[in-house]
């Protein structure tokens, strides 16, 4: 019905414009009311066109980045320093997406090096804009904290976008990965794992608060007593378009560890984040 009315108004407007063009300037005075009606119709048509014109679609940047630095310091009976440098880089082109998340942590306790850990992953997604997509991943890790000289993981999986909104996103992925871990002791790990990831990011109070979480659950498919899991919760308060104050809580657990190492690690850090991701 609205389209019919709009078409009728356009036809009537064209008629009045043609009449106005044909009238000589000396004859315009008697029909001022007709010209005024024509102008009112023009305004009405413009209003209807604006009401039925879709707003421009916001385009998500193809390249996204995020750089953060966190730190923890304490003194007294235990002198503790921990600095964490982390970043996230992603590039999306059509149905394909590349992402990597390098992270480096350095910490000392009573003058002795406790953490000197490096982690990075490489993710390649296929049909990422779809609700269901495929991906491949590779991970490289070294850790003084857990006495790991080198850990390599790689595999393939499938992902599900459960929630995708401008202010909220949540996804679940599942993959079969192969792990090779070389401890500094004689015990090493060679196993297949089932890896489940729960990832979410939420923006609240008109972009005044950001919450993100990342959970991994990775049991071995060959050894029932060999399981790994980790959980990370981050809260950010934007200070600028590209700068945020953040705090993060991270907990990780591994049932199989090197001799003299504990199975559970917990850290709480405060720092800054820079980026558009």
Protein backbone atom coordinates (compact mmCIF):
# COMPACT_ATOMS: atom_id res chain seq x y z
CA UNK A 1 0.00 0.00 0.00
CA UNK A 2 2.87 2.38 0.83
CA UNK A 3 4.54 1.63 -2.50
CA UNK A 4 1.25 2.34 -4.34
CA UNK A 5 0.84 5.71 -2.57
CA UNK A 6 4.48 6.60 -3.27
CA UNK A 7 4.06 5.84 -7.00
CA UNK A 8 0.86 7.91 -7.16
CA UNK A 9 2.53 10.88 -5.50
CA UNK A 10 5.50 10.66 -7.90
CA UNK A 11 3.14 10.71 -10.93
CA UNK A 12 1.18 13.65 -9.53
CA UNK A 13 4.41 15.52 -8.81
CA UNK A 14 5.60 15.00 -12.38
CA UNK A 15 2.33 16.34 -13.73
CA UNK A 16 2.52 19.52 -11.67
CA UNK A 17 6.15 20.10 -12.64
CA UNK A 18 5.28 19.80 -16.35
CA UNK A 19 2.37 22.22 -15.91
CA UNK A 20 4.56 24.70 -14.08
CA UNK A 21 7.20 24.56 -16.84
CA UNK A 22 4.62 25.36 -19.53
CA UNK A 23 3.07 28.34 -17.78
CA UNK A 24 4.40 31.73 -18.84
CA UNK A 25 5.82 33.96 -16.09
CA UNK A 26 2.96 36.42 -16.57
CA UNK A 27 0.42 33.73 -15.84
CA UNK A 28 1.93 32.37 -12.63
CA UNK A 29 0.26 34.77 -10.23
CA UNK A 30 -3.25 33.22 -10.51
CA UNK A 31 -1.94 29.76 -9.75
CA UNK A 32 0.34 30.42 -6.79
CA UNK A 33 -1.72 28.00 -4.74
CA UNK A 34 -1.09 25.26 -7.32
CA UNK A 35 2.67 25.83 -7.18
CA UNK A 36 2.55 25.80 -3.38
CA UNK A 37 0.73 22.46 -3.51
CA UNK A 38 3.42 21.15 -5.84
CA UNK A 39 6.14 22.12 -3.35
CA UNK A 40 4.29 20.46 -0.49
CA UNK A 41 4.01 17.29 -2.56
CA UNK A 42 7.75 17.46 -3.27
CA UNK A 43 8.50 17.63 0.45
CA UNK A 44 6.13 14.72 1.12
CA UNK A 45 7.79 12.55 -1.55
CA UNK A 46 11.27 13.37 -0.19
CA UNK A 47 10.11 12.39 3.30
CA UNK A 48 8.73 9.06 2.06
CA UNK A 49 11.92 8.31 0.14
CA UNK A 50 14.06 8.96 3.23
CA UNK A 51 11.77 6.74 5.34
CA UNK A 52 12.10 3.80 2.91
CA UNK A 53 15.80 4.14 2.20
CA UNK A 54 17.93 1.63 4.12
CA UNK A 55 20.79 3.10 6.17
CA UNK A 56 24.30 2.30 4.93
CA UNK A 57 25.61 -1.05 6.15
CA UNK A 58 28.58 -0.73 8.52
CA UNK A 59 31.54 -2.66 7.19
CA UNK A 60 33.69 -4.60 9.65
CA UNK A 61 37.40 -3.83 9.13
CA UNK A 62 39.23 -6.64 7.32
CA UNK A 63 42.29 -6.25 9.55
CA UNK A 64 41.84 -6.25 13.32
CA UNK A 65 44.54 -5.98 15.96
CA UNK A 66 44.85 -5.88 19.70
CA UNK A 67 47.94 -5.29 21.86
CA UNK A 68 47.86 -5.54 25.64
CA UNK A 69 50.33 -5.30 28.49
CA UNK A 70 49.62 -6.53 32.01
CA UNK A 71 51.74 -6.39 35.13
CA UNK A 72 51.75 -7.57 38.74
CA UNK A 73 54.22 -6.44 41.43
CA UNK A 74 54.45 -7.30 45.14
CA UNK A 75 57.07 -6.95 47.86
CA UNK A 76 57.58 -8.16 51.42
CA UNK A 77 58.08 -11.78 52.40
CA UNK A 78 57.81 -12.62 48.70
CA UNK A 79 59.11 -10.24 46.05
CA UNK A 80 57.11 -10.90 42.90
CA UNK A 81 57.19 -9.27 39.46
CA UNK A 82 55.23 -10.45 36.42
CA UNK A 83 54.88 -8.72 33.05
CA UNK A 84 52.70 -10.14 30.28
CA UNK A 85 52.77 -8.88 26.69
CA UNK A 86 50.01 -10.21 24.47
CA UNK A 87 48.52 -9.40 21.09
CA UNK A 88 45.87 -10.63 18.70
CA UNK A 89 45.94 -10.20 14.91
CA UNK A 90 43.27 -11.26 12.44
CA UNK A 91 42.53 -10.73 8.76
CA UNK A 92 39.26 -11.62 7.04
CA UNK A 93 38.75 -11.81 3.29
CA UNK A 94 35.46 -13.15 1.99
CA UNK A 95 34.87 -16.63 3.43
CA UNK A 96 38.41 -16.99 4.81
CA UNK A 97 39.96 -15.71 8.02
CA UNK A 98 43.48 -15.84 9.51
CA UNK A 99 44.25 -15.20 13.18
CA UNK A 100 47.21 -15.46 15.54
CA UNK A 101 47.59 -14.64 19.24
CA UNK A 102 51.23 -14.42 20.39
CA UNK A 103 51.87 -14.02 24.12
CA UNK A 104 55.03 -13.61 26.21
CA UNK A 105 55.26 -13.63 30.01
CA UNK A 106 58.28 -12.84 32.15
CA UNK A 107 58.27 -13.06 35.92
CA UNK A 108 60.65 -13.19 38.86
CA UNK A 109 60.13 -14.36 42.43
CA UNK A 110 62.68 -13.40 45.11
CA UNK A 111 65.18 -12.65 42.36
CA UNK A 112 64.78 -15.98 40.58
CA UNK A 113 63.23 -16.32 37.13
CA UNK A 114 59.85 -18.03 37.49
CA UNK A 115 58.10 -17.27 34.19
CA UNK A 116 59.76 -17.00 30.82
CA UNK A 117 56.94 -18.36 28.69
CA UNK A 118 56.06 -17.92 25.04
CA UNK A 119 52.85 -19.00 23.32
CA UNK A 120 51.42 -18.44 19.87
CA UNK A 121 48.71 -20.03 17.80
CA UNK A 122 47.85 -19.92 14.10
CA UNK A 123 44.21 -20.30 13.05
CA UNK A 124 42.81 -20.62 9.53
CA UNK A 125 39.02 -20.50 9.18
CA UNK A 126 36.97 -21.49 6.13
CA UNK A 127 33.39 -20.15 5.68
CA UNK A 128 33.92 -18.06 8.81
CA UNK A 129 30.92 -15.73 8.12
CA UNK A 130 28.61 -18.76 8.12
CA UNK A 131 26.93 -20.11 11.25
CA UNK A 132 28.92 -23.33 10.86
CA UNK A 133 32.52 -23.15 9.66
CA UNK A 134 35.67 -25.25 9.47
CA UNK A 135 39.13 -24.40 10.76
CA UNK A 136 42.68 -25.60 11.17
CA UNK A 137 45.05 -24.62 13.95
CA UNK A 138 48.65 -24.90 15.05
CA UNK A 139 50.18 -24.01 18.43
CA UNK A 140 53.78 -23.48 19.56
CA UNK A 141 54.62 -23.07 23.24
CA UNK A 142 57.63 -22.94 25.55
CA UNK A 143 57.37 -22.54 29.33
CA UNK A 144 59.90 -22.13 32.11
CA UNK A 145 57.02 -22.20 34.60
CA UNK A 146 56.00 -25.72 33.57
CA UNK A 147 59.48 -26.88 32.48
CA UNK A 148 58.40 -27.30 28.85
CA UNK A 149 61.20 -27.02 26.29
CA UNK A 150 58.82 -27.23 23.35
CA UNK A 151 55.14 -28.03 22.87
CA UNK A 152 53.56 -28.38 19.41
CA UNK A 153 49.90 -28.96 18.65
CA UNK A 154 47.99 -29.12 15.38
CA UNK A 155 44.62 -30.27 14.14
CA UNK A 156 41.33 -29.66 12.35
CA UNK A 157 37.85 -28.93 13.63
CA UNK A 158 34.44 -27.35 13.21
CA UNK A 159 33.03 -24.18 14.75
CA UNK A 160 29.54 -22.85 15.54
CA UNK A 161 28.55 -19.19 15.87
CA UNK A 162 25.90 -19.39 18.60
CA UNK A 163 25.42 -15.64 19.05
CA UNK A 164 26.45 -12.84 16.69
CA UNK A 165 25.29 -9.33 17.49
CA UNK A 166 27.00 -5.92 17.46
CA UNK A 167 27.32 -5.99 21.25
CA UNK A 168 27.61 -9.75 21.89
CA UNK A 169 29.33 -12.74 20.29
CA UNK A 170 29.64 -16.34 21.46
CA UNK A 171 31.05 -19.36 19.63
CA UNK A 172 31.86 -23.01 20.29
CA UNK A 173 34.51 -25.01 18.45
CA UNK A 174 35.58 -28.63 18.61
CA UNK A 175 38.71 -30.14 17.08
CA UNK A 176 40.87 -33.23 17.06
CA UNK A 177 44.47 -32.19 17.68
CA UNK A 178 47.79 -33.96 18.05
CA UNK A 179 50.15 -32.90 20.86
CA UNK A 180 53.89 -33.31 21.20
CA UNK A 181 55.31 -31.98 24.48
CA UNK A 182 58.99 -32.14 25.36
CA UNK A 183 59.53 -31.67 29.10
CA UNK A 184 62.95 -30.90 30.55
CA UNK A 185 62.69 -34.16 32.41
CA UNK A 186 62.62 -37.56 30.71
CA UNK A 187 58.82 -37.73 30.56
CA UNK A 188 57.25 -36.45 27.33
CA UNK A 189 53.71 -36.43 25.93
CA UNK A 190 52.63 -37.74 22.53
CA UNK A 191 48.86 -37.95 22.31
CA UNK A 192 45.67 -37.01 20.46
CA UNK A 193 43.28 -34.65 22.23
CA UNK A 194 39.71 -33.56 21.77
CA UNK A 195 39.76 -29.77 22.11
CA UNK A 196 36.61 -27.79 22.94
CA UNK A 197 36.72 -24.00 23.04
CA UNK A 198 34.10 -21.60 24.42
CA UNK A 199 34.74 -18.00 23.35
CA UNK A 200 32.66 -14.94 24.09
CA UNK A 201 32.87 -11.16 23.93
CA UNK A 202 30.26 -8.71 25.23
CA UNK A 203 29.90 -4.92 25.23
CA UNK A 204 27.69 -3.35 27.90
CA UNK A 205 26.40 0.08 28.93
CA UNK A 206 26.88 1.71 25.52
CA UNK A 207 30.50 0.58 25.12
CA UNK A 208 31.49 1.60 28.66
CA UNK A 209 32.33 -1.96 29.70
CA UNK A 210 33.73 -4.93 27.77
CA UNK A 211 33.86 -8.53 28.97
CA UNK A 212 35.55 -11.40 27.17
CA UNK A 213 36.19 -15.00 28.13
CA UNK A 214 38.02 -17.96 26.65
CA UNK A 215 37.76 -21.55 27.94
CA UNK A 216 39.61 -24.61 26.63
CA UNK A 217 38.85 -28.22 27.65
CA UNK A 218 41.31 -30.74 26.18
CA UNK A 219 41.17 -34.35 27.38
CA UNK A 220 43.37 -36.98 25.80
CA UNK A 221 41.47 -39.50 23.66
CA UNK A 222 44.05 -42.19 24.55
CA UNK A 223 44.65 -41.63 28.27
CA UNK A 224 41.64 -40.99 30.49
CA UNK A 225 43.78 -39.46 33.26
CA UNK A 226 45.47 -36.97 30.93
CA UNK A 227 43.45 -33.75 30.73
CA UNK A 228 44.18 -30.06 30.28
CA UNK A 229 41.87 -27.08 30.70
CA UNK A 230 42.26 -23.33 30.96
CA UNK A 231 39.99 -20.35 31.53
CA UNK A 232 40.59 -16.66 30.98
CA UNK A 233 38.29 -13.78 31.97
CA UNK A 234 39.05 -10.20 30.95
CA UNK A 235 37.23 -6.98 31.86
CA UNK A 236 37.96 -3.70 30.06
CA UNK A 237 37.01 -0.08 30.67
CA UNK A 238 37.48 1.94 27.45
CA UNK A 239 39.42 5.17 27.98
CA UNK A 240 39.56 6.07 24.28
CA UNK A 241 38.43 4.63 20.98
CA UNK A 242 41.59 2.48 20.81
CA UNK A 243 42.72 2.40 24.46
CA UNK A 244 41.24 0.51 27.43
CA UNK A 245 42.11 -0.20 31.04
CA UNK A 246 41.87 -3.95 31.68
CA UNK A 247 42.13 -6.62 34.30
CA UNK A 248 42.42 -10.34 33.58
CA UNK A 249 42.13 -13.57 35.55
CA UNK A 250 43.70 -16.71 34.13
CA UNK A 251 43.63 -20.25 35.50
CA UNK A 252 45.18 -23.31 33.85
CA UNK A 253 45.35 -26.96 34.84
CA UNK A 254 47.33 -29.94 33.47
CA UNK A 255 47.07 -33.38 35.00
CA UNK A 256 50.44 -34.46 33.56
CA UNK A 257 53.30 -32.12 34.45
CA UNK A 258 57.08 -32.22 34.74
CA UNK A 259 58.64 -33.40 37.99
CA UNK A 260 58.55 -30.74 40.70
CA UNK A 261 55.84 -28.69 39.01
CA UNK A 262 52.29 -28.09 40.25
CA UNK A 263 49.27 -28.94 38.18
CA UNK A 264 47.36 -25.68 38.65
CA UNK A 265 48.44 -22.09 37.94
CA UNK A 266 46.45 -18.94 38.72
CA UNK A 267 47.32 -15.34 37.77
CA UNK A 268 45.56 -12.02 38.12
CA UNK A 269 46.92 -9.03 36.23
CA UNK A 270 46.04 -5.38 35.50
CA UNK A 271 47.13 -3.42 32.44
CA UNK A 272 46.25 -1.59 29.23
CA UNK A 273 44.95 -2.68 25.84
CA UNK A 274 45.43 -0.89 22.52
CA UNK A 275 43.66 -1.83 19.29
CA UNK A 276 40.43 -1.98 17.30
CA UNK A 277 39.53 -5.61 18.05
